[in-house]
């Protein structure tokens, strides 16, 4: 069996272009991996898909979200619990492009395979609502944030919020990022991480 080095030399294994540039220059551009959910539209979606490996955990999440949106089955809330730099924002941007760039997503071989397995003709039509705590206005409560407020316009009761979501006329996918950063800006200190997760689930349960 040939070594990895030999495979690189004979071309049977090819590195991504940015890895090759890093090997030549000795520097890796961190901006290739740093993403900002609220500024996702400024990214090239095709290039983003090209540079994102559909690893097992991401694939599993994509499958679960597709089932929820297309069938209403499975969990309504998923909390991405990783260390800083663990890929939370990257995952959310992937989901953002999955639904915002459906034609592109449907053309991706790795996603076509998932859609086939899930017996879907294509990525379901859904409205995507983004909350990015890094760029949110800390002077506003969560339910007052521009992208969120319309769902709380009749008050914060679950029935009223559910009614406003259903009024959209199609599934709604909420992508929340940098929640801790937002809370810190509002000086809402969270002492207990477990309580934070429960609070997030309760809040998202209204959405």
C-alpha atoms as a PDB file:
ATOM      1  CA  UNK A   1       0.000   0.000   0.000  1.00  0.00           C
ATOM      2  CA  UNK A   2       1.394   3.394  -1.004  1.00  0.00           C
ATOM      3  CA  UNK A   3       2.100   6.025   1.608  1.00  0.00           C
ATOM      4  CA  UNK A   4       0.210   9.305   1.826  1.00  0.00           C
ATOM      5  CA  UNK A   5       3.333  11.106   0.615  1.00  0.00           C
ATOM      6  CA  UNK A   6       3.585   8.843  -2.432  1.00  0.00           C
ATOM      7  CA  UNK A   7      -0.115   9.373  -3.177  1.00  0.00           C
ATOM      8  CA  UNK A   8       0.453  13.118  -3.158  1.00  0.00           C
ATOM      9  CA  UNK A   9       3.420  12.786  -5.477  1.00  0.00           C
ATOM     10  CA  UNK A  10       1.676  10.619  -8.062  1.00  0.00           C
ATOM     11  CA  UNK A  11      -1.503  12.718  -7.982  1.00  0.00           C
ATOM     12  CA  UNK A  12      -3.875  10.027  -6.749  1.00  0.00           C
ATOM     13  CA  UNK A  13      -4.596  12.244  -3.725  1.00  0.00           C
ATOM     14  CA  UNK A  14      -5.070  15.949  -4.292  1.00  0.00           C
ATOM     15  CA  UNK A  15      -5.096  18.656  -1.642  1.00  0.00           C
ATOM     16  CA  UNK A  16      -7.523  21.531  -1.612  1.00  0.00           C
ATOM     17  CA  UNK A  17      -6.166  24.618  -3.358  1.00  0.00           C
ATOM     18  CA  UNK A  18      -5.916  26.606  -0.123  1.00  0.00           C
ATOM     19  CA  UNK A  19      -3.970  23.775   1.551  1.00  0.00           C
ATOM     20  CA  UNK A  20      -1.496  23.735  -1.324  1.00  0.00           C
ATOM     21  CA  UNK A  21      -1.068  27.521  -1.070  1.00  0.00           C
ATOM     22  CA  UNK A  22      -0.528  27.203   2.676  1.00  0.00           C
ATOM     23  CA  UNK A  23       2.123  24.540   2.092  1.00  0.00           C
ATOM     24  CA  UNK A  24       3.887  26.821  -0.371  1.00  0.00           C
ATOM     25  CA  UNK A  25       3.671  30.020   1.671  1.00  0.00           C
ATOM     26  CA  UNK A  26       3.784  28.569   5.175  1.00  0.00           C
ATOM     27  CA  UNK A  27       0.644  30.488   6.143  1.00  0.00           C
ATOM     28  CA  UNK A  28      -3.027  29.519   6.185  1.00  0.00           C
ATOM     29  CA  UNK A  29      -5.620  32.234   5.672  1.00  0.00           C
ATOM     30  CA  UNK A  30      -7.996  31.911   8.629  1.00  0.00           C
ATOM     31  CA  UNK A  31     -10.604  33.933   6.758  1.00  0.00           C
ATOM     32  CA  UNK A  32     -11.300  30.837   4.674  1.00  0.00           C
ATOM     33  CA  UNK A  33     -12.903  29.239   7.718  1.00  0.00           C
ATOM     34  CA  UNK A  34     -14.219  32.189   9.734  1.00  0.00           C
ATOM     35  CA  UNK A  35     -17.856  32.737   8.787  1.00  0.00           C
ATOM     36  CA  UNK A  36     -20.451  35.212   9.952  1.00  0.00           C
ATOM     37  CA  UNK A  37     -24.034  33.958   9.825  1.00  0.00           C
ATOM     38  CA  UNK A  38     -25.551  37.426   9.454  1.00  0.00           C
ATOM     39  CA  UNK A  39     -23.265  38.095   6.465  1.00  0.00           C
ATOM     40  CA  UNK A  40     -23.691  34.735   4.757  1.00  0.00           C
ATOM     41  CA  UNK A  41     -25.157  36.354   1.643  1.00  0.00           C
ATOM     42  CA  UNK A  42     -21.771  37.965   1.005  1.00  0.00           C
ATOM     43  CA  UNK A  43     -20.217  34.508   0.584  1.00  0.00           C
ATOM     44  CA  UNK A  44     -20.043  32.474  -2.600  1.00  0.00           C
ATOM     45  CA  UNK A  45     -22.402  29.604  -1.773  1.00  0.00           C
ATOM     46  CA  UNK A  46     -20.915  27.249  -4.376  1.00  0.00           C
ATOM     47  CA  UNK A  47     -17.399  27.845  -3.073  1.00  0.00           C
ATOM     48  CA  UNK A  48     -18.654  27.385   0.495  1.00  0.00           C
ATOM     49  CA  UNK A  49     -20.132  23.997  -0.378  1.00  0.00           C
ATOM     50  CA  UNK A  50     -16.934  23.051  -2.225  1.00  0.00           C
ATOM     51  CA  UNK A  51     -14.795  23.811   0.823  1.00  0.00           C
ATOM     52  CA  UNK A  52     -17.042  22.133   3.358  1.00  0.00           C
ATOM     53  CA  UNK A  53     -16.550  18.445   4.029  1.00  0.00           C
ATOM     54  CA  UNK A  54     -19.875  16.764   4.747  1.00  0.00           C
ATOM     55  CA  UNK A  55     -18.562  14.924   7.799  1.00  0.00           C
ATOM     56  CA  UNK A  56     -20.744  12.413   9.618  1.00  0.00           C
ATOM     57  CA  UNK A  57     -22.083  14.785  12.294  1.00  0.00           C
ATOM     58  CA  UNK A  58     -22.975  17.438   9.738  1.00  0.00           C
ATOM     59  CA  UNK A  59     -24.601  14.862   7.478  1.00  0.00           C
ATOM     60  CA  UNK A  60     -26.664  13.532  10.377  1.00  0.00           C
ATOM     61  CA  UNK A  61     -27.850  17.031  11.283  1.00  0.00           C
ATOM     62  CA  UNK A  62     -28.738  17.808   7.665  1.00  0.00           C
ATOM     63  CA  UNK A  63     -30.797  14.618   7.486  1.00  0.00           C
ATOM     64  CA  UNK A  64     -32.593  15.418  10.749  1.00  0.00           C
ATOM     65  CA  UNK A  65     -33.396  18.981   9.698  1.00  0.00           C
ATOM     66  CA  UNK A  66     -34.668  17.820   6.306  1.00  0.00           C
ATOM     67  CA  UNK A  67     -36.968  15.309   8.012  1.00  0.00           C
ATOM     68  CA  UNK A  68     -38.274  17.952  10.364  1.00  0.00           C
ATOM     69  CA  UNK A  69     -38.959  20.433   7.575  1.00  0.00           C
ATOM     70  CA  UNK A  70     -40.443  17.911   5.125  1.00  0.00           C
ATOM     71  CA  UNK A  71     -42.327  15.623   7.519  1.00  0.00           C
ATOM     72  CA  UNK A  72     -42.537  17.404  10.855  1.00  0.00           C
ATOM     73  CA  UNK A  73     -40.814  14.466  12.512  1.00  0.00           C
ATOM     74  CA  UNK A  74     -37.872  14.491  14.910  1.00  0.00           C
ATOM     75  CA  UNK A  75     -36.692  17.239  17.228  1.00  0.00           C
ATOM     76  CA  UNK A  76     -37.815  20.820  16.738  1.00  0.00           C
ATOM     77  CA  UNK A  77     -34.717  22.252  18.450  1.00  0.00           C
ATOM     78  CA  UNK A  78     -31.062  21.332  18.038  1.00  0.00           C
ATOM     79  CA  UNK A  79     -28.341  22.892  20.195  1.00  0.00           C
ATOM     80  CA  UNK A  80     -24.843  22.753  18.727  1.00  0.00           C
ATOM     81  CA  UNK A  81     -22.607  22.213  21.725  1.00  0.00           C
ATOM     82  CA  UNK A  82     -18.944  22.508  20.749  1.00  0.00           C
ATOM     83  CA  UNK A  83     -15.863  24.370  21.915  1.00  0.00           C
ATOM     84  CA  UNK A  84     -14.988  27.719  20.349  1.00  0.00           C
ATOM     85  CA  UNK A  85     -13.936  27.100  16.772  1.00  0.00           C
ATOM     86  CA  UNK A  86     -15.789  23.782  16.715  1.00  0.00           C
ATOM     87  CA  UNK A  87     -17.811  24.649  13.632  1.00  0.00           C
ATOM     88  CA  UNK A  88     -21.118  25.941  15.009  1.00  0.00           C
ATOM     89  CA  UNK A  89     -21.319  29.025  12.772  1.00  0.00           C
ATOM     90  CA  UNK A  90     -20.042  27.035   9.796  1.00  0.00           C
ATOM     91  CA  UNK A  91     -22.797  24.459  10.334  1.00  0.00           C
ATOM     92  CA  UNK A  92     -25.462  27.157  10.556  1.00  0.00           C
ATOM     93  CA  UNK A  93     -24.240  28.786   7.345  1.00  0.00           C
ATOM     94  CA  UNK A  94     -24.380  25.356   5.674  1.00  0.00           C
ATOM     95  CA  UNK A  95     -28.028  25.015   6.728  1.00  0.00           C
ATOM     96  CA  UNK A  96     -28.670  28.587   5.593  1.00  0.00           C
ATOM     97  CA  UNK A  97     -27.408  27.859   2.091  1.00  0.00           C
ATOM     98  CA  UNK A  98     -29.181  24.483   2.065  1.00  0.00           C
ATOM     99  CA  UNK A  99     -32.546  26.265   2.139  1.00  0.00           C
ATOM    100  CA  UNK A 100     -31.663  29.651   0.631  1.00  0.00           C
ATOM    101  CA  UNK A 101     -29.822  28.180  -2.356  1.00  0.00           C
ATOM    102  CA  UNK A 102     -32.043  25.194  -3.027  1.00  0.00           C
ATOM    103  CA  UNK A 103     -31.224  24.860  -6.730  1.00  0.00           C
ATOM    104  CA  UNK A 104     -27.518  24.798  -5.944  1.00  0.00           C
ATOM    105  CA  UNK A 105     -28.011  22.379  -3.053  1.00  0.00           C
ATOM    106  CA  UNK A 106     -30.093  20.071  -5.239  1.00  0.00           C
ATOM    107  CA  UNK A 107     -27.233  19.926  -7.749  1.00  0.00           C
ATOM    108  CA  UNK A 108     -24.627  18.836  -5.201  1.00  0.00           C
ATOM    109  CA  UNK A 109     -23.834  15.089  -5.504  1.00  0.00           C
ATOM    110  CA  UNK A 110     -23.404  14.642  -1.748  1.00  0.00           C
ATOM    111  CA  UNK A 111     -26.770  16.276  -1.075  1.00  0.00           C
ATOM    112  CA  UNK A 112     -28.526  14.452  -3.909  1.00  0.00           C
ATOM    113  CA  UNK A 113     -27.531  11.209  -2.204  1.00  0.00           C
ATOM    114  CA  UNK A 114     -29.058  12.379   1.075  1.00  0.00           C
ATOM    115  CA  UNK A 115     -32.241  13.547  -0.668  1.00  0.00           C
ATOM    116  CA  UNK A 116     -32.536  10.199  -2.415  1.00  0.00           C
ATOM    117  CA  UNK A 117     -32.117   8.325   0.866  1.00  0.00           C
ATOM    118  CA  UNK A 118     -34.746  10.543   2.508  1.00  0.00           C
ATOM    119  CA  UNK A 119     -37.091  10.019  -0.482  1.00  0.00           C
ATOM    120  CA  UNK A 120     -37.174  13.726  -1.280  1.00  0.00           C
ATOM    121  CA  UNK A 121     -37.220  15.131  -4.812  1.00  0.00           C
ATOM    122  CA  UNK A 122     -35.373  18.213  -3.620  1.00  0.00           C
ATOM    123  CA  UNK A 123     -34.683  20.424  -0.639  1.00  0.00           C
ATOM    124  CA  UNK A 124     -38.088  21.517   0.743  1.00  0.00           C
ATOM    125  CA  UNK A 125     -39.111  25.150   0.469  1.00  0.00           C
ATOM    126  CA  UNK A 126     -38.698  26.845   3.842  1.00  0.00           C
ATOM    127  CA  UNK A 127     -38.287  30.348   5.180  1.00  0.00           C
ATOM    128  CA  UNK A 128     -35.020  30.932   7.009  1.00  0.00           C
ATOM    129  CA  UNK A 129     -34.878  33.344   9.949  1.00  0.00           C
ATOM    130  CA  UNK A 130     -31.416  34.310  11.210  1.00  0.00           C
ATOM    131  CA  UNK A 131     -30.401  35.665  14.595  1.00  0.00           C
ATOM    132  CA  UNK A 132     -26.710  36.447  14.997  1.00  0.00           C
ATOM    133  CA  UNK A 133     -25.914  37.591  18.528  1.00  0.00           C
ATOM    134  CA  UNK A 134     -22.553  38.956  17.422  1.00  0.00           C
ATOM    135  CA  UNK A 135     -24.262  41.606  15.310  1.00  0.00           C
ATOM    136  CA  UNK A 136     -27.584  41.902  17.157  1.00  0.00           C
ATOM    137  CA  UNK A 137     -28.612  45.126  18.857  1.00  0.00           C
ATOM    138  CA  UNK A 138     -28.007  44.508  22.578  1.00  0.00           C
ATOM    139  CA  UNK A 139     -30.453  47.255  23.516  1.00  0.00           C
ATOM    140  CA  UNK A 140     -33.310  45.104  22.199  1.00  0.00           C
ATOM    141  CA  UNK A 141     -34.800  42.032  23.806  1.00  0.00           C
ATOM    142  CA  UNK A 142     -34.598  38.830  21.794  1.00  0.00           C
ATOM    143  CA  UNK A 143     -38.268  39.034  20.820  1.00  0.00           C
ATOM    144  CA  UNK A 144     -37.709  42.638  19.667  1.00  0.00           C
ATOM    145  CA  UNK A 145     -34.925  41.787  17.226  1.00  0.00           C
ATOM    146  CA  UNK A 146     -35.824  42.762  13.618  1.00  0.00           C
ATOM    147  CA  UNK A 147     -35.844  39.227  12.202  1.00  0.00           C
ATOM    148  CA  UNK A 148     -37.708  37.808  15.186  1.00  0.00           C
ATOM    149  CA  UNK A 149     -40.204  40.502  16.217  1.00  0.00           C
ATOM    150  CA  UNK A 150     -42.965  39.591  13.752  1.00  0.00           C
ATOM    151  CA  UNK A 151     -43.416  36.213  15.425  1.00  0.00           C
ATOM    152  CA  UNK A 152     -43.946  37.902  18.813  1.00  0.00           C
ATOM    153  CA  UNK A 153     -46.107  40.779  17.552  1.00  0.00           C
ATOM    154  CA  UNK A 154     -49.190  39.451  19.390  1.00  0.00           C
ATOM    155  CA  UNK A 155     -47.316  38.664  22.589  1.00  0.00           C
ATOM    156  CA  UNK A 156     -45.009  35.903  23.748  1.00  0.00           C
ATOM    157  CA  UNK A 157     -47.531  33.146  24.362  1.00  0.00           C
ATOM    158  CA  UNK A 158     -46.757  29.878  22.605  1.00  0.00           C
ATOM    159  CA  UNK A 159     -50.142  29.698  20.856  1.00  0.00           C
ATOM    160  CA  UNK A 160     -49.786  33.220  19.458  1.00  0.00           C
ATOM    161  CA  UNK A 161     -46.217  32.639  18.286  1.00  0.00           C
ATOM    162  CA  UNK A 162     -47.216  29.326  16.707  1.00  0.00           C
ATOM    163  CA  UNK A 163     -50.065  31.076  14.881  1.00  0.00           C
ATOM    164  CA  UNK A 164     -47.668  33.674  13.471  1.00  0.00           C
ATOM    165  CA  UNK A 165     -45.279  30.973  12.322  1.00  0.00           C
ATOM    166  CA  UNK A 166     -48.075  29.030  10.632  1.00  0.00           C
ATOM    167  CA  UNK A 167     -49.190  32.248   8.922  1.00  0.00           C
ATOM    168  CA  UNK A 168     -45.948  32.186   6.911  1.00  0.00           C
ATOM    169  CA  UNK A 169     -47.480  29.351   4.893  1.00  0.00           C
ATOM    170  CA  UNK A 170     -44.431  27.101   4.853  1.00  0.00           C
ATOM    171  CA  UNK A 171     -41.937  25.652   7.333  1.00  0.00           C
ATOM    172  CA  UNK A 172     -39.740  28.180   9.116  1.00  0.00           C
ATOM    173  CA  UNK A 173     -36.139  27.358  10.027  1.00  0.00           C
ATOM    174  CA  UNK A 174     -34.675  29.499  12.805  1.00  0.00           C
ATOM    175  CA  UNK A 175     -30.872  29.695  12.923  1.00  0.00           C
ATOM    176  CA  UNK A 176     -29.561  31.238  16.156  1.00  0.00           C
ATOM    177  CA  UNK A 177     -25.860  31.954  16.540  1.00  0.00           C
ATOM    178  CA  UNK A 178     -23.671  33.663  19.152  1.00  0.00           C
ATOM    179  CA  UNK A 179     -26.422  33.675  21.769  1.00  0.00           C
ATOM    180  CA  UNK A 180     -23.908  33.885  24.619  1.00  0.00           C
ATOM    181  CA  UNK A 181     -22.280  36.910  22.993  1.00  0.00           C
ATOM    182  CA  UNK A 182     -25.670  38.607  22.788  1.00  0.00           C
ATOM    183  CA  UNK A 183     -26.433  37.855  26.443  1.00  0.00           C
ATOM    184  CA  UNK A 184     -23.016  39.155  27.468  1.00  0.00           C
ATOM    185  CA  UNK A 185     -23.639  42.402  25.603  1.00  0.00           C
ATOM    186  CA  UNK A 186     -26.920  42.754  27.480  1.00  0.00           C
ATOM    187  CA  UNK A 187     -25.025  41.966  30.698  1.00  0.00           C
ATOM    188  CA  UNK A 188     -27.300  39.008  31.331  1.00  0.00           C
ATOM    189  CA  UNK A 189     -24.753  36.827  33.089  1.00  0.00           C
ATOM    190  CA  UNK A 190     -25.383  33.112  32.782  1.00  0.00           C
ATOM    191  CA  UNK A 191     -23.911  31.127  35.665  1.00  0.00           C
ATOM    192  CA  UNK A 192     -25.273  27.675  34.989  1.00  0.00           C
ATOM    193  CA  UNK A 193     -24.715  26.253  31.500  1.00  0.00           C
ATOM    194  CA  UNK A 194     -27.421  23.642  32.025  1.00  0.00           C
ATOM    195  CA  UNK A 195     -29.963  26.333  32.871  1.00  0.00           C
ATOM    196  CA  UNK A 196     -28.879  28.237  29.745  1.00  0.00           C
ATOM    197  CA  UNK A 197     -29.620  25.224  27.546  1.00  0.00           C
ATOM    198  CA  UNK A 198     -33.015  24.782  29.176  1.00  0.00           C
ATOM    199  CA  UNK A 199     -33.795  28.482  28.681  1.00  0.00           C
ATOM    200  CA  UNK A 200     -32.779  28.326  25.022  1.00  0.00           C
ATOM    201  CA  UNK A 201     -34.958  25.270  24.484  1.00  0.00           C
ATOM    202  CA  UNK A 202     -37.897  26.991  26.157  1.00  0.00           C
ATOM    203  CA  UNK A 203     -37.412  30.114  24.041  1.00  0.00           C
ATOM    204  CA  UNK A 204     -37.019  28.120  20.828  1.00  0.00           C
ATOM    205  CA  UNK A 205     -40.018  26.045  21.805  1.00  0.00           C
ATOM    206  CA  UNK A 206     -42.118  29.145  21.232  1.00  0.00           C
ATOM    207  CA  UNK A 207     -40.697  29.536  17.724  1.00  0.00           C
END
